[in-house]
PDB file of N, CA and C in Angstrom:
ATOM      1  N   UNK A   1     190.773 135.854  95.105  1.00  0.00           N
ATOM      2  CA  UNK A   1     190.706 134.759  94.399  1.00  0.00           C
ATOM      3  C   UNK A   1     189.375 135.170  93.981  1.00  0.00           C
ATOM      4  N   UNK A   2     189.096 134.535  92.319  1.00  0.00           N
ATOM      5  CA  UNK A   2     188.096 134.443  91.896  1.00  0.00           C
ATOM      6  C   UNK A   2     187.564 133.145  91.315  1.00  0.00           C
ATOM      7  N   UNK A   3     186.508 132.535  91.357  1.00  0.00           N
ATOM      8  CA  UNK A   3     185.785 131.817  90.469  1.00  0.00           C
ATOM      9  C   UNK A   3     184.918 132.052  89.438  1.00  0.00           C
ATOM     10  N   UNK A   4     185.644 131.751  88.407  1.00  0.00           N
ATOM     11  CA  UNK A   4     184.405 132.480  87.223  1.00  0.00           C
ATOM     12  C   UNK A   4     183.557 130.567  86.476  1.00  0.00           C
ATOM     13  N   UNK A   5     182.065 131.043  86.619  1.00  0.00           N
ATOM     14  CA  UNK A   5     181.275 130.101  86.391  1.00  0.00           C
ATOM     15  C   UNK A   5     180.428 130.353  85.623  1.00  0.00           C
ATOM     16  N   UNK A   6     179.620 129.552  85.080  1.00  0.00           N
ATOM     17  CA  UNK A   6     178.266 129.611  84.353  1.00  0.00           C
ATOM     18  C   UNK A   6     177.340 130.652  85.009  1.00  0.00           C
ATOM     19  N   UNK A   7     176.152 131.028  84.503  1.00  0.00           N
ATOM     20  CA  UNK A   7     174.689 131.321  85.437  1.00  0.00           C
ATOM     21  C   UNK A   7     174.658 130.865  86.033  1.00  0.00           C
ATOM     22  N   UNK A   8     174.855 129.253  86.593  1.00  0.00           N
ATOM     23  CA  UNK A   8     174.198 128.566  87.890  1.00  0.00           C
ATOM     24  C   UNK A   8     174.751 128.926  89.130  1.00  0.00           C
ATOM     25  N   UNK A   9     176.228 129.489  88.641  1.00  0.00           N
ATOM     26  CA  UNK A   9     176.661 129.925  90.040  1.00  0.00           C
ATOM     27  C   UNK A   9     177.322 128.842  91.051  1.00  0.00           C
ATOM     28  N   UNK A  10     176.324 128.692  92.234  1.00  0.00           N
ATOM     29  CA  UNK A  10     176.872 128.069  93.330  1.00  0.00           C
ATOM     30  C   UNK A  10     175.713 126.603  93.228  1.00  0.00           C
ATOM     31  N   UNK A  11     174.652 126.642  92.353  1.00  0.00           N
ATOM     32  CA  UNK A  11     173.039 125.844  92.389  1.00  0.00           C
ATOM     33  C   UNK A  11     173.967 124.602  92.007  1.00  0.00           C
ATOM     34  N   UNK A  12     172.927 123.317  92.922  1.00  0.00           N
ATOM     35  CA  UNK A  12     173.180 122.148  92.660  1.00  0.00           C
ATOM     36  C   UNK A  12     174.696 121.802  92.491  1.00  0.00           C
ATOM     37  N   UNK A  13     175.250 121.842  93.870  1.00  0.00           N
ATOM     38  CA  UNK A  13     176.835 121.478  93.809  1.00  0.00           C
ATOM     39  C   UNK A  13     177.216 119.654  93.548  1.00  0.00           C
ATOM     40  N   UNK A  14     176.025 118.965  93.707  1.00  0.00           N
ATOM     41  CA  UNK A  14     176.396 117.493  93.392  1.00  0.00           C
ATOM     42  C   UNK A  14     176.103 117.266  91.591  1.00  0.00           C
ATOM     43  N   UNK A  15     175.316 118.208  91.075  1.00  0.00           N
ATOM     44  CA  UNK A  15     175.430 117.689  89.862  1.00  0.00           C
ATOM     45  C   UNK A  15     175.944 118.361  88.845  1.00  0.00           C
ATOM     46  N   UNK A  16     176.589 119.758  89.023  1.00  0.00           N
ATOM     47  CA  UNK A  16     176.766 120.790  88.048  1.00  0.00           C
ATOM     48  C   UNK A  16     178.342 120.988  88.556  1.00  0.00           C
ATOM     49  N   UNK A  17     179.067 121.288  87.497  1.00  0.00           N
ATOM     50  CA  UNK A  17     180.845 121.480  87.905  1.00  0.00           C
ATOM     51  C   UNK A  17     180.903 122.898  88.609  1.00  0.00           C
ATOM     52  N   UNK A  18     180.225 123.917  88.266  1.00  0.00           N
ATOM     53  CA  UNK A  18     180.083 125.126  88.650  1.00  0.00           C
ATOM     54  C   UNK A  18     179.617 125.062  90.341  1.00  0.00           C
ATOM     55  N   UNK A  19     179.198 124.577  90.398  1.00  0.00           N
ATOM     56  CA  UNK A  19     178.103 124.092  91.985  1.00  0.00           C
ATOM     57  C   UNK A  19     179.355 123.423  92.949  1.00  0.00           C
ATOM     58  N   UNK A  20     179.950 122.182  92.045  1.00  0.00           N
ATOM     59  CA  UNK A  20     180.972 121.518  92.671  1.00  0.00           C
ATOM     60  C   UNK A  20     182.258 122.146  93.216  1.00  0.00           C
ATOM     61  N   UNK A  21     182.627 123.178  92.160  1.00  0.00           N
ATOM     62  CA  UNK A  21     183.749 123.877  92.564  1.00  0.00           C
ATOM     63  C   UNK A  21     183.705 124.753  93.672  1.00  0.00           C
ATOM     64  N   UNK A  22     182.540 125.487  93.519  1.00  0.00           N
ATOM     65  CA  UNK A  22     182.055 126.254  95.174  1.00  0.00           C
ATOM     66  C   UNK A  22     181.925 125.753  95.985  1.00  0.00           C
ATOM     67  N   UNK A  23     181.576 124.710  95.897  1.00  0.00           N
ATOM     68  CA  UNK A  23     181.330 124.001  97.314  1.00  0.00           C
ATOM     69  C   UNK A  23     182.519 123.306  98.123  1.00  0.00           C
ATOM     70  N   UNK A  24     183.553 123.097  96.936  1.00  0.00           N
ATOM     71  CA  UNK A  24     184.691 122.455  97.533  1.00  0.00           C
ATOM     72  C   UNK A  24     185.502 123.612  98.187  1.00  0.00           C
ATOM     73  N   UNK A  25     185.711 124.809  97.685  1.00  0.00           N
ATOM     74  CA  UNK A  25     186.302 126.124  98.159  1.00  0.00           C
ATOM     75  C   UNK A  25     185.498 126.275  98.843  1.00  0.00           C
ATOM     76  N   UNK A  26     183.902 126.590  99.383  1.00  0.00           N
ATOM     77  CA  UNK A  26     183.251 126.914 100.630  1.00  0.00           C
ATOM     78  C   UNK A  26     183.787 125.841 101.610  1.00  0.00           C
ATOM     79  N   UNK A  27     184.011 124.521 101.555  1.00  0.00           N
ATOM     80  CA  UNK A  27     184.008 123.633 102.540  1.00  0.00           C
ATOM     81  C   UNK A  27     185.759 123.949 103.339  1.00  0.00           C
ATOM     82  N   UNK A  28     186.282 124.329 101.893  1.00  0.00           N
ATOM     83  CA  UNK A  28     187.763 124.516 102.263  1.00  0.00           C
ATOM     84  C   UNK A  28     188.428 125.903 103.308  1.00  0.00           C
ATOM     85  N   UNK A  29     187.199 126.644 103.379  1.00  0.00           N
ATOM     86  CA  UNK A  29     187.147 127.973 104.048  1.00  0.00           C
ATOM     87  C   UNK A  29     187.802 129.381 103.074  1.00  0.00           C
ATOM     88  N   UNK A  30     187.740 129.003 101.685  1.00  0.00           N
ATOM     89  CA  UNK A  30     187.896 130.043 101.320  1.00  0.00           C
ATOM     90  C   UNK A  30     187.056 130.987 101.068  1.00  0.00           C
ATOM     91  N   UNK A  31     187.570 132.581 100.843  1.00  0.00           N
ATOM     92  CA  UNK A  31     186.478 133.418 100.422  1.00  0.00           C
ATOM     93  C   UNK A  31     186.725 134.224  99.079  1.00  0.00           C
ATOM     94  N   UNK A  32     186.138 133.877  97.818  1.00  0.00           N
ATOM     95  CA  UNK A  32     186.424 134.205  96.638  1.00  0.00           C
ATOM     96  C   UNK A  32     185.064 134.877  96.025  1.00  0.00           C
ATOM     97  N   UNK A  33     185.173 135.358  95.312  1.00  0.00           N
ATOM     98  CA  UNK A  33     184.333 136.147  94.396  1.00  0.00           C
ATOM     99  C   UNK A  33     183.893 135.358  92.775  1.00  0.00           C
ATOM    100  N   UNK A  34     182.571 135.484  92.963  1.00  0.00           N
ATOM    101  CA  UNK A  34     182.318 134.914  91.786  1.00  0.00           C
ATOM    102  C   UNK A  34     182.249 135.244  90.706  1.00  0.00           C
ATOM    103  N   UNK A  35     182.204 135.473  89.507  1.00  0.00           N
ATOM    104  CA  UNK A  35     181.918 135.976  87.975  1.00  0.00           C
ATOM    105  C   UNK A  35     181.025 135.117  87.241  1.00  0.00           C
ATOM    106  N   UNK A  36     179.875 135.643  86.977  1.00  0.00           N
ATOM    107  CA  UNK A  36     179.504 134.253  85.817  1.00  0.00           C
ATOM    108  C   UNK A  36     179.720 134.722  84.549  1.00  0.00           C
ATOM    109  N   UNK A  37     179.689 133.881  83.771  1.00  0.00           N
ATOM    110  CA  UNK A  37     179.984 134.159  82.477  1.00  0.00           C
ATOM    111  C   UNK A  37     178.741 133.869  81.550  1.00  0.00           C
ATOM    112  N   UNK A  38     178.339 134.294  80.636  1.00  0.00           N
ATOM    113  CA  UNK A  38     177.351 133.754  79.643  1.00  0.00           C
ATOM    114  C   UNK A  38     177.748 132.423  78.879  1.00  0.00           C
ATOM    115  N   UNK A  39     176.575 132.125  77.983  1.00  0.00           N
ATOM    116  CA  UNK A  39     176.862 131.108  76.942  1.00  0.00           C
ATOM    117  C   UNK A  39     176.952 129.560  77.489  1.00  0.00           C
ATOM    118  N   UNK A  40     176.045 129.553  78.231  1.00  0.00           N
ATOM    119  CA  UNK A  40     175.736 128.050  78.980  1.00  0.00           C
ATOM    120  C   UNK A  40     175.379 126.858  77.898  1.00  0.00           C
ATOM    121  N   UNK A  41     174.653 126.772  76.826  1.00  0.00           N
ATOM    122  CA  UNK A  41     174.432 126.141  76.118  1.00  0.00           C
ATOM    123  C   UNK A  41     175.714 126.320  74.910  1.00  0.00           C
ATOM    124  N   UNK A  42     176.157 124.985  74.308  1.00  0.00           N
ATOM    125  CA  UNK A  42     176.867 124.487  73.469  1.00  0.00           C
ATOM    126  C   UNK A  42     175.877 124.254  72.154  1.00  0.00           C
ATOM    127  N   UNK A  43     175.125 124.996  71.772  1.00  0.00           N
ATOM    128  CA  UNK A  43     174.499 124.729  70.342  1.00  0.00           C
ATOM    129  C   UNK A  43     175.392 125.430  68.999  1.00  0.00           C
ATOM    130  N   UNK A  44     174.980 124.879  68.107  1.00  0.00           N
ATOM    131  CA  UNK A  44     175.600 125.847  67.053  1.00  0.00           C
ATOM    132  C   UNK A  44     175.258 127.133  66.541  1.00  0.00           C
ATOM    133  N   UNK A  45     173.871 127.628  66.927  1.00  0.00           N
ATOM    134  CA  UNK A  45     173.301 129.066  67.101  1.00  0.00           C
ATOM    135  C   UNK A  45     173.910 129.728  67.881  1.00  0.00           C
ATOM    136  N   UNK A  46     174.126 129.133  69.210  1.00  0.00           N
ATOM    137  CA  UNK A  46     174.924 130.073  70.526  1.00  0.00           C
ATOM    138  C   UNK A  46     176.047 130.342  69.814  1.00  0.00           C
ATOM    139  N   UNK A  47     177.347 129.650  69.175  1.00  0.00           N
ATOM    140  CA  UNK A  47     178.701 129.434  69.166  1.00  0.00           C
ATOM    141  C   UNK A  47     179.260 130.869  69.188  1.00  0.00           C
ATOM    142  N   UNK A  48     178.656 131.836  68.561  1.00  0.00           N
ATOM    143  CA  UNK A  48     179.349 133.473  68.337  1.00  0.00           C
ATOM    144  C   UNK A  48     179.064 134.133  69.700  1.00  0.00           C
ATOM    145  N   UNK A  49     178.172 133.935  70.309  1.00  0.00           N
ATOM    146  CA  UNK A  49     177.488 134.546  71.695  1.00  0.00           C
ATOM    147  C   UNK A  49     178.078 133.661  72.601  1.00  0.00           C
ATOM    148  N   UNK A  50     178.754 132.804  72.659  1.00  0.00           N
ATOM    149  CA  UNK A  50     179.370 131.991  73.549  1.00  0.00           C
ATOM    150  C   UNK A  50     180.728 132.351  73.501  1.00  0.00           C
ATOM    151  N   UNK A  51     181.206 132.895  72.249  1.00  0.00           N
ATOM    152  CA  UNK A  51     182.612 132.913  72.270  1.00  0.00           C
ATOM    153  C   UNK A  51     182.615 134.450  72.309  1.00  0.00           C
ATOM    154  N   UNK A  52     181.819 135.672  72.384  1.00  0.00           N
ATOM    155  CA  UNK A  52     181.882 136.968  73.306  1.00  0.00           C
ATOM    156  C   UNK A  52     181.631 136.577  74.688  1.00  0.00           C
ATOM    157  N   UNK A  53     180.696 135.941  75.119  1.00  0.00           N
ATOM    158  CA  UNK A  53     180.241 136.102  76.172  1.00  0.00           C
ATOM    159  C   UNK A  53     181.519 135.009  77.387  1.00  0.00           C
ATOM    160  N   UNK A  54     182.521 134.360  76.475  1.00  0.00           N
ATOM    161  CA  UNK A  54     183.539 133.924  77.417  1.00  0.00           C
ATOM    162  C   UNK A  54     184.761 134.213  76.853  1.00  0.00           C
ATOM    163  N   UNK A  55     185.163 135.607  76.059  1.00  0.00           N
ATOM    164  CA  UNK A  55     186.451 135.524  75.764  1.00  0.00           C
ATOM    165  C   UNK A  55     187.348 136.138  76.962  1.00  0.00           C
ATOM    166  N   UNK A  56     186.949 136.345  77.958  1.00  0.00           N
ATOM    167  CA  UNK A  56     187.776 136.658  79.453  1.00  0.00           C
ATOM    168  C   UNK A  56     188.369 135.198  79.984  1.00  0.00           C
ATOM    169  N   UNK A  57     187.246 134.249  79.980  1.00  0.00           N
ATOM    170  CA  UNK A  57     187.667 132.771  80.235  1.00  0.00           C
ATOM    171  C   UNK A  57     188.735 131.929  78.977  1.00  0.00           C
ATOM    172  N   UNK A  58     188.487 132.600  77.763  1.00  0.00           N
ATOM    173  CA  UNK A  58     190.050 131.989  76.932  1.00  0.00           C
ATOM    174  C   UNK A  58     190.943 132.648  76.899  1.00  0.00           C
ATOM    175  N   UNK A  59     191.151 133.989  77.440  1.00  0.00           N
ATOM    176  CA  UNK A  59     192.044 134.898  77.793  1.00  0.00           C
ATOM    177  C   UNK A  59     192.769 134.409  78.719  1.00  0.00           C
ATOM    178  N   UNK A  60     191.950 133.858  80.063  1.00  0.00           N
ATOM    179  CA  UNK A  60     192.835 133.676  80.747  1.00  0.00           C
ATOM    180  C   UNK A  60     193.614 132.178  80.976  1.00  0.00           C
ATOM    181  N   UNK A  61     192.243 130.985  80.395  1.00  0.00           N
ATOM    182  CA  UNK A  61     192.978 129.828  80.670  1.00  0.00           C
ATOM    183  C   UNK A  61     193.253 129.234  79.152  1.00  0.00           C
ATOM    184  N   UNK A  62     192.747 129.878  78.318  1.00  0.00           N
ATOM    185  CA  UNK A  62     193.051 128.894  76.674  1.00  0.00           C
ATOM    186  C   UNK A  62     191.993 128.206  76.556  1.00  0.00           C
ATOM    187  N   UNK A  63     191.189 128.352  76.932  1.00  0.00           N
ATOM    188  CA  UNK A  63     189.813 127.611  76.211  1.00  0.00           C
ATOM    189  C   UNK A  63     188.280 128.172  76.834  1.00  0.00           C
ATOM    190  N   UNK A  64     187.234 127.588  76.595  1.00  0.00           N
ATOM    191  CA  UNK A  64     186.276 128.783  77.033  1.00  0.00           C
ATOM    192  C   UNK A  64     185.092 127.635  77.990  1.00  0.00           C
ATOM    193  N   UNK A  65     185.555 126.704  78.809  1.00  0.00           N
ATOM    194  CA  UNK A  65     185.119 125.825  79.749  1.00  0.00           C
ATOM    195  C   UNK A  65     184.996 126.896  80.785  1.00  0.00           C
ATOM    196  N   UNK A  66     183.778 126.385  81.700  1.00  0.00           N
ATOM    197  CA  UNK A  66     183.773 127.009  83.305  1.00  0.00           C
ATOM    198  C   UNK A  66     183.812 125.536  83.866  1.00  0.00           C
ATOM    199  N   UNK A  67     183.859 125.482  85.207  1.00  0.00           N
ATOM    200  CA  UNK A  67     184.500 126.574  86.074  1.00  0.00           C
ATOM    201  C   UNK A  67     186.558 126.932  85.963  1.00  0.00           C
ATOM    202  N   UNK A  68     186.862 127.779  86.027  1.00  0.00           N
ATOM    203  CA  UNK A  68     188.177 128.132  86.275  1.00  0.00           C
ATOM    204  C   UNK A  68     188.278 129.097  87.634  1.00  0.00           C
ATOM    205  N   UNK A  69     189.390 128.890  88.360  1.00  0.00           N
ATOM    206  CA  UNK A  69     189.677 129.787  89.629  1.00  0.00           C
ATOM    207  C   UNK A  69     190.945 130.407  89.296  1.00  0.00           C
ATOM    208  N   UNK A  70     190.834 131.727  89.630  1.00  0.00           N
ATOM    209  CA  UNK A  70     192.093 132.443  89.405  1.00  0.00           C
ATOM    210  C   UNK A  70     192.398 133.023  90.936  1.00  0.00           C
ATOM    211  N   UNK A  71     193.847 132.465  91.216  1.00  0.00           N
ATOM    212  CA  UNK A  71     194.282 132.886  92.305  1.00  0.00           C
ATOM    213  C   UNK A  71     194.726 134.188  92.487  1.00  0.00           C
ATOM    214  N   UNK A  72     195.037 134.766  93.673  1.00  0.00           N
ATOM    215  CA  UNK A  72     195.587 136.020  94.006  1.00  0.00           C
ATOM    216  C   UNK A  72     196.822 136.158  93.306  1.00  0.00           C
ATOM    217  N   UNK A  73     197.662 135.073  93.035  1.00  0.00           N
ATOM    218  CA  UNK A  73     199.095 135.519  92.179  1.00  0.00           C
ATOM    219  C   UNK A  73     198.908 135.330  90.776  1.00  0.00           C
ATOM    220  N   UNK A  74     197.528 135.043  90.131  1.00  0.00           N
ATOM    221  CA  UNK A  74     197.456 134.863  88.761  1.00  0.00           C
ATOM    222  C   UNK A  74     197.437 133.201  88.277  1.00  0.00           C
ATOM    223  N   UNK A  75     197.789 132.966  88.931  1.00  0.00           N
ATOM    224  CA  UNK A  75     197.635 131.331  88.533  1.00  0.00           C
ATOM    225  C   UNK A  75     196.254 130.756  88.557  1.00  0.00           C
ATOM    226  N   UNK A  76     196.023 129.917  87.209  1.00  0.00           N
ATOM    227  CA  UNK A  76     194.440 129.693  86.823  1.00  0.00           C
ATOM    228  C   UNK A  76     194.052 128.147  87.103  1.00  0.00           C
ATOM    229  N   UNK A  77     193.480 127.694  87.576  1.00  0.00           N
ATOM    230  CA  UNK A  77     193.309 126.247  87.563  1.00  0.00           C
ATOM    231  C   UNK A  77     191.739 126.007  87.116  1.00  0.00           C
ATOM    232  N   UNK A  78     191.854 125.540  86.115  1.00  0.00           N
ATOM    233  CA  UNK A  78     190.515 125.068  85.191  1.00  0.00           C
ATOM    234  C   UNK A  78     189.930 123.686  85.612  1.00  0.00           C
ATOM    235  N   UNK A  79     188.403 123.329  85.931  1.00  0.00           N
ATOM    236  CA  UNK A  79     187.985 122.262  86.089  1.00  0.00           C
ATOM    237  C   UNK A  79     187.820 121.622  87.486  1.00  0.00           C
ATOM    238  N   UNK A  80     186.236 121.489  87.414  1.00  0.00           N
ATOM    239  CA  UNK A  80     185.650 121.285  88.728  1.00  0.00           C
ATOM    240  C   UNK A  80     186.572 120.464  89.895  1.00  0.00           C
ATOM    241  N   UNK A  81     187.251 119.066  88.887  1.00  0.00           N
ATOM    242  CA  UNK A  81     187.828 118.128  89.766  1.00  0.00           C
ATOM    243  C   UNK A  81     189.232 119.040  90.141  1.00  0.00           C
ATOM    244  N   UNK A  82     189.725 119.521  89.471  1.00  0.00           N
ATOM    245  CA  UNK A  82     191.271 120.330  89.789  1.00  0.00           C
ATOM    246  C   UNK A  82     190.704 121.168  90.741  1.00  0.00           C
ATOM    247  N   UNK A  83     189.587 122.276  90.354  1.00  0.00           N
ATOM    248  CA  UNK A  83     189.758 122.838  91.510  1.00  0.00           C
ATOM    249  C   UNK A  83     189.255 122.055  93.329  1.00  0.00           C
ATOM    250  N   UNK A  84     188.973 121.420  93.369  1.00  0.00           N
ATOM    251  CA  UNK A  84     188.266 120.427  94.204  1.00  0.00           C
ATOM    252  C   UNK A  84     189.244 119.949  94.823  1.00  0.00           C
ATOM    253  N   UNK A  85     190.081 119.260  93.894  1.00  0.00           N
ATOM    254  CA  UNK A  85     191.414 119.099  94.441  1.00  0.00           C
ATOM    255  C   UNK A  85     192.350 119.846  95.302  1.00  0.00           C
ATOM    256  N   UNK A  86     192.243 120.911  94.567  1.00  0.00           N
ATOM    257  CA  UNK A  86     193.190 122.390  95.180  1.00  0.00           C
ATOM    258  C   UNK A  86     192.620 122.755  96.244  1.00  0.00           C
ATOM    259  N   UNK A  87     191.438 123.202  96.497  1.00  0.00           N
ATOM    260  CA  UNK A  87     190.736 123.323  97.758  1.00  0.00           C
ATOM    261  C   UNK A  87     191.015 122.195  98.858  1.00  0.00           C
ATOM    262  N   UNK A  88     191.057 120.971  98.530  1.00  0.00           N
ATOM    263  CA  UNK A  88     191.263 120.109  99.872  1.00  0.00           C
ATOM    264  C   UNK A  88     192.900 119.820 100.166  1.00  0.00           C
ATOM    265  N   UNK A  89     193.958 120.387  98.757  1.00  0.00           N
ATOM    266  CA  UNK A  89     195.322 120.277  99.225  1.00  0.00           C
ATOM    267  C   UNK A  89     195.483 121.922 100.053  1.00  0.00           C
ATOM    268  N   UNK A  90     194.776 122.723  99.655  1.00  0.00           N
ATOM    269  CA  UNK A  90     195.111 124.184 100.401  1.00  0.00           C
ATOM    270  C   UNK A  90     193.817 124.621 100.828  1.00  0.00           C
ATOM    271  N   UNK A  91     193.707 124.202 102.330  1.00  0.00           N
ATOM    272  CA  UNK A  91     192.586 124.742 102.788  1.00  0.00           C
ATOM    273  C   UNK A  91     193.183 126.455 103.809  1.00  0.00           C
ATOM    274  N   UNK A  92     191.952 126.899 103.692  1.00  0.00           N
ATOM    275  CA  UNK A  92     191.986 128.635 104.190  1.00  0.00           C
ATOM    276  C   UNK A  92     193.344 128.429 105.632  1.00  0.00           C
ATOM    277  N   UNK A  93     193.709 129.251 106.033  1.00  0.00           N
ATOM    278  CA  UNK A  93     194.163 129.337 106.775  1.00  0.00           C
ATOM    279  C   UNK A  93     193.513 130.330 107.745  1.00  0.00           C
ATOM    280  N   UNK A  94     193.190 130.423 109.110  1.00  0.00           N
ATOM    281  CA  UNK A  94     192.848 131.035 109.876  1.00  0.00           C
ATOM    282  C   UNK A  94     193.354 132.372 110.311  1.00  0.00           C
TER     283      UNK A  94
END
């Protein structure tokens, strides 16, 4: 399973969506790989670079926002709240 985040990765879980998603997966006992993508700031002069940096995110989920979680079966879960809800409902089995 892979968690696509901005360059913040797991930092500041209470205040940042990518950290919130990572913390939820950690709390549920999941093992996953983090793939950080660029394009953190959404400013007019960064739009072309953001689109290039997040092309894989758009291909996987149809949009450019992170975090997204890609499950082993290819299912994509978008957004920190949705990822947190999924992690809580699907704790890792020992």
